[in-house]
Amino acid sequence: MLAAWKFLPWVLEYLGIPMMQKPPMPVVPVEEPNVETMEPEERKAYEKELKKKADEKKKKDKEEEELRKAKEERHRKR
């Protein structure tokens, strides 16, 4: 048994019936807060959040690099 919703778009495309496409998501610009106008507590929390994001990005980059090296090593051994 095969669900019709899985292959029906292929049939409609083959017949030349245009499919509805989702409109693109609007891009909302992210504004950086002004650090000079912040209160000391707010500034400290903001800097802590930035440091946390930087650490997470660094950790993710390191993991991706390790995966890439492992993949190259497996490829080289073949």
PDB file of N, CA and C in Angstrom:
ATOM      1  N   MET A   1       0.845  -1.169   0.000  1.00  0.00           N
ATOM      2  CA  MET A   1       0.000   0.000   0.000  1.00  0.00           C
ATOM      3  C   MET A   1       0.894   1.236   0.000  1.00  0.00           C
ATOM      4  N   LEU A   2       0.566   2.200  -0.831  1.00  0.00           N
ATOM      5  CA  LEU A   2       1.336   3.429  -0.958  1.00  0.00           C
ATOM      6  C   LEU A   2       0.387   4.614  -0.770  1.00  0.00           C
ATOM      7  N   ALA A   3       0.791   5.521   0.084  1.00  0.00           N
ATOM      8  CA  ALA A   3      -0.059   6.679   0.361  1.00  0.00           C
ATOM      9  C   ALA A   3      -0.072   7.607  -0.853  1.00  0.00           C
ATOM     10  N   ALA A   4      -1.253   8.086  -1.207  1.00  0.00           N
ATOM     11  CA  ALA A   4      -1.402   8.924  -2.395  1.00  0.00           C
ATOM     12  C   ALA A   4      -0.724  10.276  -2.236  1.00  0.00           C
ATOM     13  N   TRP A   5      -0.671  10.793  -1.028  1.00  0.00           N
ATOM     14  CA  TRP A   5      -0.084  12.114  -0.827  1.00  0.00           C
ATOM     15  C   TRP A   5       1.407  12.116  -1.128  1.00  0.00           C
ATOM     16  N   LYS A   6       2.031  10.936  -1.151  1.00  0.00           N
ATOM     17  CA  LYS A   6       3.465  10.881  -1.424  1.00  0.00           C
ATOM     18  C   LYS A   6       3.773  10.992  -2.910  1.00  0.00           C
ATOM     19  N   PHE A   7       2.931  10.441  -3.761  1.00  0.00           N
ATOM     20  CA  PHE A   7       3.250  10.454  -5.189  1.00  0.00           C
ATOM     21  C   PHE A   7       2.332  11.348  -6.015  1.00  0.00           C
ATOM     22  N   LEU A   8       1.262  11.864  -5.431  1.00  0.00           N
ATOM     23  CA  LEU A   8       0.342  12.729  -6.150  1.00  0.00           C
ATOM     24  C   LEU A   8       1.013  14.007  -6.683  1.00  0.00           C
ATOM     25  N   PRO A   9       1.900  14.649  -5.936  1.00  0.00           N
ATOM     26  CA  PRO A   9       2.581  15.823  -6.508  1.00  0.00           C
ATOM     27  C   PRO A   9       3.392  15.490  -7.758  1.00  0.00           C
ATOM     28  N   TRP A  10       3.973  14.312  -7.833  1.00  0.00           N
ATOM     29  CA  TRP A  10       4.739  13.914  -9.018  1.00  0.00           C
ATOM     30  C   TRP A  10       3.808  13.791 -10.223  1.00  0.00           C
ATOM     31  N   VAL A  11       2.629  13.219 -10.003  1.00  0.00           N
ATOM     32  CA  VAL A  11       1.670  13.048 -11.086  1.00  0.00           C
ATOM     33  C   VAL A  11       1.186  14.405 -11.573  1.00  0.00           C
ATOM     34  N   LEU A  12       0.853  15.291 -10.649  1.00  0.00           N
ATOM     35  CA  LEU A  12       0.388  16.616 -11.031  1.00  0.00           C
ATOM     36  C   LEU A  12       1.478  17.397 -11.767  1.00  0.00           C
ATOM     37  N   GLU A  13       2.714  17.256 -11.339  1.00  0.00           N
ATOM     38  CA  GLU A  13       3.811  17.930 -12.024  1.00  0.00           C
ATOM     39  C   GLU A  13       3.984  17.369 -13.432  1.00  0.00           C
ATOM     40  N   TYR A  14       3.841  16.065 -13.583  1.00  0.00           N
ATOM     41  CA  TYR A  14       3.959  15.422 -14.891  1.00  0.00           C
ATOM     42  C   TYR A  14       2.862  15.909 -15.838  1.00  0.00           C
ATOM     43  N   LEU A  15       1.662  16.134 -15.285  1.00  0.00           N
ATOM     44  CA  LEU A  15       0.542  16.608 -16.094  1.00  0.00           C
ATOM     45  C   LEU A  15       0.641  18.105 -16.390  1.00  0.00           C
ATOM     46  N   GLY A  16       1.581  18.796 -15.781  1.00  0.00           N
ATOM     47  CA  GLY A  16       1.774  20.212 -16.035  1.00  0.00           C
ATOM     48  C   GLY A  16       0.907  21.117 -15.198  1.00  0.00           C
ATOM     49  N   ILE A  17       0.328  20.587 -14.150  1.00  0.00           N
ATOM     50  CA  ILE A  17      -0.501  21.395 -13.261  1.00  0.00           C
ATOM     51  C   ILE A  17       0.427  22.059 -12.246  1.00  0.00           C
ATOM     52  N   PRO A  18       0.419  23.397 -12.187  1.00  0.00           N
ATOM     53  CA  PRO A  18       1.346  24.066 -11.259  1.00  0.00           C
ATOM     54  C   PRO A  18       0.940  23.815  -9.804  1.00  0.00           C
ATOM     55  N   MET A  19       1.934  23.610  -8.993  1.00  0.00           N
ATOM     56  CA  MET A  19       1.710  23.388  -7.567  1.00  0.00           C
ATOM     57  C   MET A  19       1.827  24.727  -6.843  1.00  0.00           C
ATOM     58  N   MET A  20       1.081  24.865  -5.777  1.00  0.00           N
ATOM     59  CA  MET A  20       1.174  26.080  -4.976  1.00  0.00           C
ATOM     60  C   MET A  20       2.492  26.072  -4.211  1.00  0.00           C
ATOM     61  N   GLN A  21       3.154  27.198  -4.185  1.00  0.00           N
ATOM     62  CA  GLN A  21       4.399  27.310  -3.444  1.00  0.00           C
ATOM     63  C   GLN A  21       4.196  28.248  -2.268  1.00  0.00           C
ATOM     64  N   LYS A  22       4.856  27.926  -1.171  1.00  0.00           N
ATOM     65  CA  LYS A  22       4.772  28.789  -0.004  1.00  0.00           C
ATOM     66  C   LYS A  22       5.506  30.089  -0.301  1.00  0.00           C
ATOM     67  N   PRO A  23       4.950  31.207   0.128  1.00  0.00           N
ATOM     68  CA  PRO A  23       5.670  32.469  -0.075  1.00  0.00           C
ATOM     69  C   PRO A  23       6.916  32.487   0.812  1.00  0.00           C
ATOM     70  N   PRO A  24       7.962  33.159   0.368  1.00  0.00           N
ATOM     71  CA  PRO A  24       9.183  33.187   1.184  1.00  0.00           C
ATOM     72  C   PRO A  24       8.938  33.893   2.512  1.00  0.00           C
ATOM     73  N   MET A  25       9.637  33.437   3.520  1.00  0.00           N
ATOM     74  CA  MET A  25       9.507  34.030   4.842  1.00  0.00           C
ATOM     75  C   MET A  25      10.102  35.432   4.811  1.00  0.00           C
ATOM     76  N   PRO A  26       9.434  36.403   5.405  1.00  0.00           N
ATOM     77  CA  PRO A  26       9.990  37.753   5.426  1.00  0.00           C
ATOM     78  C   PRO A  26      11.243  37.803   6.290  1.00  0.00           C
ATOM     79  N   VAL A  27      12.229  38.520   5.803  1.00  0.00           N
ATOM     80  CA  VAL A  27      13.484  38.639   6.531  1.00  0.00           C
ATOM     81  C   VAL A  27      13.359  39.799   7.502  1.00  0.00           C
ATOM     82  N   VAL A  28      13.484  39.463   8.771  1.00  0.00           N
ATOM     83  CA  VAL A  28      13.380  40.477   9.803  1.00  0.00           C
ATOM     84  C   VAL A  28      14.797  40.854  10.222  1.00  0.00           C
ATOM     85  N   PRO A  29      15.211  42.091   9.998  1.00  0.00           N
ATOM     86  CA  PRO A  29      16.572  42.462  10.386  1.00  0.00           C
ATOM     87  C   PRO A  29      16.720  42.458  11.904  1.00  0.00           C
ATOM     88  N   VAL A  30      17.812  41.897  12.365  1.00  0.00           N
ATOM     89  CA  VAL A  30      18.085  41.838  13.788  1.00  0.00           C
ATOM     90  C   VAL A  30      18.920  43.062  14.151  1.00  0.00           C
ATOM     91  N   GLU A  31      18.389  43.875  15.036  1.00  0.00           N
ATOM     92  CA  GLU A  31      19.086  45.081  15.437  1.00  0.00           C
ATOM     93  C   GLU A  31      19.944  44.792  16.662  1.00  0.00           C
ATOM     94  N   GLU A  32      21.187  45.214  16.582  1.00  0.00           N
ATOM     95  CA  GLU A  32      22.084  45.072  17.726  1.00  0.00           C
ATOM     96  C   GLU A  32      21.752  46.163  18.739  1.00  0.00           C
ATOM     97  N   PRO A  33      21.621  45.814  19.999  1.00  0.00           N
ATOM     98  CA  PRO A  33      21.337  46.838  21.003  1.00  0.00           C
ATOM     99  C   PRO A  33      22.562  47.741  21.214  1.00  0.00           C
ATOM    100  N   ASN A  34      22.312  48.954  21.581  1.00  0.00           N
ATOM    101  CA  ASN A  34      23.384  49.905  21.830  1.00  0.00           C
ATOM    102  C   ASN A  34      23.964  49.630  23.213  1.00  0.00           C
ATOM    103  N   VAL A  35      25.211  49.207  23.247  1.00  0.00           N
ATOM    104  CA  VAL A  35      25.843  48.814  24.509  1.00  0.00           C
ATOM    105  C   VAL A  35      26.095  50.031  25.397  1.00  0.00           C
ATOM    106  N   GLU A  36      26.367  51.186  24.792  1.00  0.00           N
ATOM    107  CA  GLU A  36      26.677  52.374  25.585  1.00  0.00           C
ATOM    108  C   GLU A  36      25.489  52.864  26.404  1.00  0.00           C
ATOM    109  N   THR A  37      24.271  52.624  25.918  1.00  0.00           N
ATOM    110  CA  THR A  37      23.093  53.121  26.618  1.00  0.00           C
ATOM    111  C   THR A  37      22.514  52.108  27.604  1.00  0.00           C
ATOM    112  N   MET A  38      23.102  50.937  27.693  1.00  0.00           N
ATOM    113  CA  MET A  38      22.584  49.900  28.597  1.00  0.00           C
ATOM    114  C   MET A  38      23.000  50.167  30.041  1.00  0.00           C
ATOM    115  N   GLU A  39      22.184  49.642  30.920  1.00  0.00           N
ATOM    116  CA  GLU A  39      22.530  49.653  32.345  1.00  0.00           C
ATOM    117  C   GLU A  39      23.632  48.622  32.574  1.00  0.00           C
ATOM    118  N   PRO A  40      24.374  48.740  33.647  1.00  0.00           N
ATOM    119  CA  PRO A  40      25.468  47.787  33.900  1.00  0.00           C
ATOM    120  C   PRO A  40      25.010  46.328  33.968  1.00  0.00           C
ATOM    121  N   GLU A  41      23.853  46.085  34.592  1.00  0.00           N
ATOM    122  CA  GLU A  41      23.367  44.701  34.687  1.00  0.00           C
ATOM    123  C   GLU A  41      22.986  44.166  33.310  1.00  0.00           C
ATOM    124  N   GLU A  42      22.313  45.022  32.524  1.00  0.00           N
ATOM    125  CA  GLU A  42      21.913  44.613  31.178  1.00  0.00           C
ATOM    126  C   GLU A  42      23.134  44.348  30.311  1.00  0.00           C
ATOM    127  N   ARG A  43      24.130  45.217  30.408  1.00  0.00           N
ATOM    128  CA  ARG A  43      25.345  45.056  29.626  1.00  0.00           C
ATOM    129  C   ARG A  43      26.052  43.745  29.979  1.00  0.00           C
ATOM    130  N   LYS A  44      26.108  43.452  31.281  1.00  0.00           N
ATOM    131  CA  LYS A  44      26.763  42.226  31.732  1.00  0.00           C
ATOM    132  C   LYS A  44      26.028  40.996  31.187  1.00  0.00           C
ATOM    133  N   ALA A  45      24.698  41.021  31.240  1.00  0.00           N
ATOM    134  CA  ALA A  45      23.903  39.897  30.728  1.00  0.00           C
ATOM    135  C   ALA A  45      24.071  39.766  29.219  1.00  0.00           C
ATOM    136  N   TYR A  46      24.099  40.904  28.522  1.00  0.00           N
ATOM    137  CA  TYR A  46      24.256  40.880  27.064  1.00  0.00           C
ATOM    138  C   TYR A  46      25.625  40.316  26.674  1.00  0.00           C
ATOM    139  N   GLU A  47      26.674  40.770  27.347  1.00  0.00           N
ATOM    140  CA  GLU A  47      28.018  40.265  27.056  1.00  0.00           C
ATOM    141  C   GLU A  47      28.139  38.781  27.381  1.00  0.00           C
ATOM    142  N   LYS A  48      27.478  38.349  28.454  1.00  0.00           N
ATOM    143  CA  LYS A  48      27.482  36.929  28.808  1.00  0.00           C
ATOM    144  C   LYS A  48      26.792  36.104  27.721  1.00  0.00           C
ATOM    145  N   GLU A  49      25.672  36.624  27.197  1.00  0.00           N
ATOM    146  CA  GLU A  49      24.953  35.939  26.128  1.00  0.00           C
ATOM    147  C   GLU A  49      25.807  35.858  24.859  1.00  0.00           C
ATOM    148  N   LEU A  50      26.489  36.964  24.517  1.00  0.00           N
ATOM    149  CA  LEU A  50      27.371  36.956  23.349  1.00  0.00           C
ATOM    150  C   LEU A  50      28.503  35.943  23.509  1.00  0.00           C
ATOM    151  N   LYS A  51      29.074  35.875  24.695  1.00  0.00           N
ATOM    152  CA  LYS A  51      30.152  34.930  24.952  1.00  0.00           C
ATOM    153  C   LYS A  51      29.646  33.494  24.839  1.00  0.00           C
ATOM    154  N   LYS A  52      28.440  33.248  25.350  1.00  0.00           N
ATOM    155  CA  LYS A  52      27.847  31.916  25.271  1.00  0.00           C
ATOM    156  C   LYS A  52      27.633  31.515  23.819  1.00  0.00           C
ATOM    157  N   LYS A  53      27.106  32.452  22.994  1.00  0.00           N
ATOM    158  CA  LYS A  53      26.886  32.157  21.582  1.00  0.00           C
ATOM    159  C   LYS A  53      28.203  31.890  20.868  1.00  0.00           C
ATOM    160  N   ALA A  54      29.242  32.663  21.188  1.00  0.00           N
ATOM    161  CA  ALA A  54      30.549  32.471  20.563  1.00  0.00           C
ATOM    162  C   ALA A  54      31.134  31.115  20.940  1.00  0.00           C
ATOM    163  N   ASP A  55      30.981  30.724  22.202  1.00  0.00           N
ATOM    164  CA  ASP A  55      31.482  29.422  22.647  1.00  0.00           C
ATOM    165  C   ASP A  55      30.749  28.284  21.943  1.00  0.00           C
ATOM    166  N   GLU A  56      29.428  28.414  21.792  1.00  0.00           N
ATOM    167  CA  GLU A  56      28.644  27.385  21.101  1.00  0.00           C
ATOM    168  C   GLU A  56      29.057  27.276  19.641  1.00  0.00           C
ATOM    169  N   LYS A  57      29.296  28.419  19.006  1.00  0.00           N
ATOM    170  CA  LYS A  57      29.722  28.413  17.606  1.00  0.00           C
ATOM    171  C   LYS A  57      31.095  27.779  17.470  1.00  0.00           C
ATOM    172  N   LYS A  58      31.994  28.102  18.399  1.00  0.00           N
ATOM    173  CA  LYS A  58      33.335  27.535  18.364  1.00  0.00           C
ATOM    174  C   LYS A  58      33.274  26.011  18.554  1.00  0.00           C
ATOM    175  N   LYS A  59      32.420  25.562  19.470  1.00  0.00           N
ATOM    176  CA  LYS A  59      32.263  24.136  19.728  1.00  0.00           C
ATOM    177  C   LYS A  59      31.688  23.431  18.500  1.00  0.00           C
ATOM    178  N   LYS A  60      30.697  24.041  17.867  1.00  0.00           N
ATOM    179  CA  LYS A  60      30.082  23.457  16.675  1.00  0.00           C
ATOM    180  C   LYS A  60      31.097  23.378  15.533  1.00  0.00           C
ATOM    181  N   ASP A  61      31.879  24.447  15.342  1.00  0.00           N
ATOM    182  CA  ASP A  61      32.907  24.441  14.304  1.00  0.00           C
ATOM    183  C   ASP A  61      33.946  23.352  14.554  1.00  0.00           C
ATOM    184  N   LYS A  62      34.317  23.168  15.814  1.00  0.00           N
ATOM    185  CA  LYS A  62      35.296  22.139  16.162  1.00  0.00           C
ATOM    186  C   LYS A  62      34.744  20.746  15.858  1.00  0.00           C
ATOM    187  N   GLU A  63      33.473  20.515  16.199  1.00  0.00           N
ATOM    188  CA  GLU A  63      32.853  19.219  15.918  1.00  0.00           C
ATOM    189  C   GLU A  63      32.777  18.966  14.413  1.00  0.00           C
ATOM    190  N   GLU A  64      32.418  19.995  13.647  1.00  0.00           N
ATOM    191  CA  GLU A  64      32.350  19.848  12.188  1.00  0.00           C
ATOM    192  C   GLU A  64      33.730  19.553  11.611  1.00  0.00           C
ATOM    193  N   GLU A  65      34.753  20.195  12.140  1.00  0.00           N
ATOM    194  CA  GLU A  65      36.119  19.952  11.675  1.00  0.00           C
ATOM    195  C   GLU A  65      36.537  18.514  11.980  1.00  0.00           C
ATOM    196  N   GLU A  66      36.197  18.019  13.172  1.00  0.00           N
ATOM    197  CA  GLU A  66      36.525  16.644  13.531  1.00  0.00           C
ATOM    198  C   GLU A  66      35.797  15.663  12.619  1.00  0.00           C
ATOM    199  N   LEU A  67      34.528  15.927  12.325  1.00  0.00           N
ATOM    200  CA  LEU A  67      33.774  15.051  11.424  1.00  0.00           C
ATOM    201  C   LEU A  67      34.375  15.068  10.026  1.00  0.00           C
ATOM    202  N   ARG A  68      34.793  16.250   9.563  1.00  0.00           N
ATOM    203  CA  ARG A  68      35.397  16.360   8.245  1.00  0.00           C
ATOM    204  C   ARG A  68      36.716  15.589   8.185  1.00  0.00           C
ATOM    205  N   LYS A  69      37.518  15.703   9.249  1.00  0.00           N
ATOM    206  CA  LYS A  69      38.793  14.978   9.292  1.00  0.00           C
ATOM    207  C   LYS A  69      38.557  13.469   9.329  1.00  0.00           C
ATOM    208  N   ALA A  70      37.568  13.032  10.088  1.00  0.00           N
ATOM    209  CA  ALA A  70      37.259  11.601  10.165  1.00  0.00           C
ATOM    210  C   ALA A  70      36.792  11.085   8.814  1.00  0.00           C
ATOM    211  N   LYS A  71      35.976  11.880   8.126  1.00  0.00           N
ATOM    212  CA  LYS A  71      35.493  11.490   6.802  1.00  0.00           C
ATOM    213  C   LYS A  71      36.658  11.395   5.819  1.00  0.00           C
ATOM    214  N   GLU A  72      37.581  12.364   5.858  1.00  0.00           N
ATOM    215  CA  GLU A  72      38.756  12.322   4.986  1.00  0.00           C
ATOM    216  C   GLU A  72      39.616  11.106   5.295  1.00  0.00           C
ATOM    217  N   GLU A  73      39.743  10.785   6.579  1.00  0.00           N
ATOM    218  CA  GLU A  73      40.543   9.625   6.984  1.00  0.00           C
ATOM    219  C   GLU A  73      39.919   8.334   6.460  1.00  0.00           C
ATOM    220  N   ARG A  74      38.593   8.202   6.573  1.00  0.00           N
ATOM    221  CA  ARG A  74      37.920   7.010   6.063  1.00  0.00           C
ATOM    222  C   ARG A  74      38.079   6.932   4.545  1.00  0.00           C
ATOM    223  N   HIS A  75      37.973   8.065   3.883  1.00  0.00           N
ATOM    224  CA  HIS A  75      38.114   8.099   2.434  1.00  0.00           C
ATOM    225  C   HIS A  75      39.550   7.728   2.018  1.00  0.00           C
ATOM    226  N   ARG A  76      40.530   8.205   2.792  1.00  0.00           N
ATOM    227  CA  ARG A  76      41.918   7.922   2.484  1.00  0.00           C
ATOM    228  C   ARG A  76      42.230   6.426   2.687  1.00  0.00           C
ATOM    229  N   LYS A  77      41.607   5.792   3.684  1.00  0.00           N
ATOM    230  CA  LYS A  77      41.870   4.389   3.954  1.00  0.00           C
ATOM    231  C   LYS A  77      41.286   3.484   2.867  1.00  0.00           C
ATOM    232  N   ARG A  78      40.266   3.946   2.183  1.00  0.00           N
ATOM    233  CA  ARG A  78      39.669   3.126   1.124  1.00  0.00           C
ATOM    234  C   ARG A  78      40.602   3.121  -0.021  1.00  0.00           C
TER     235      ARG A  78
END
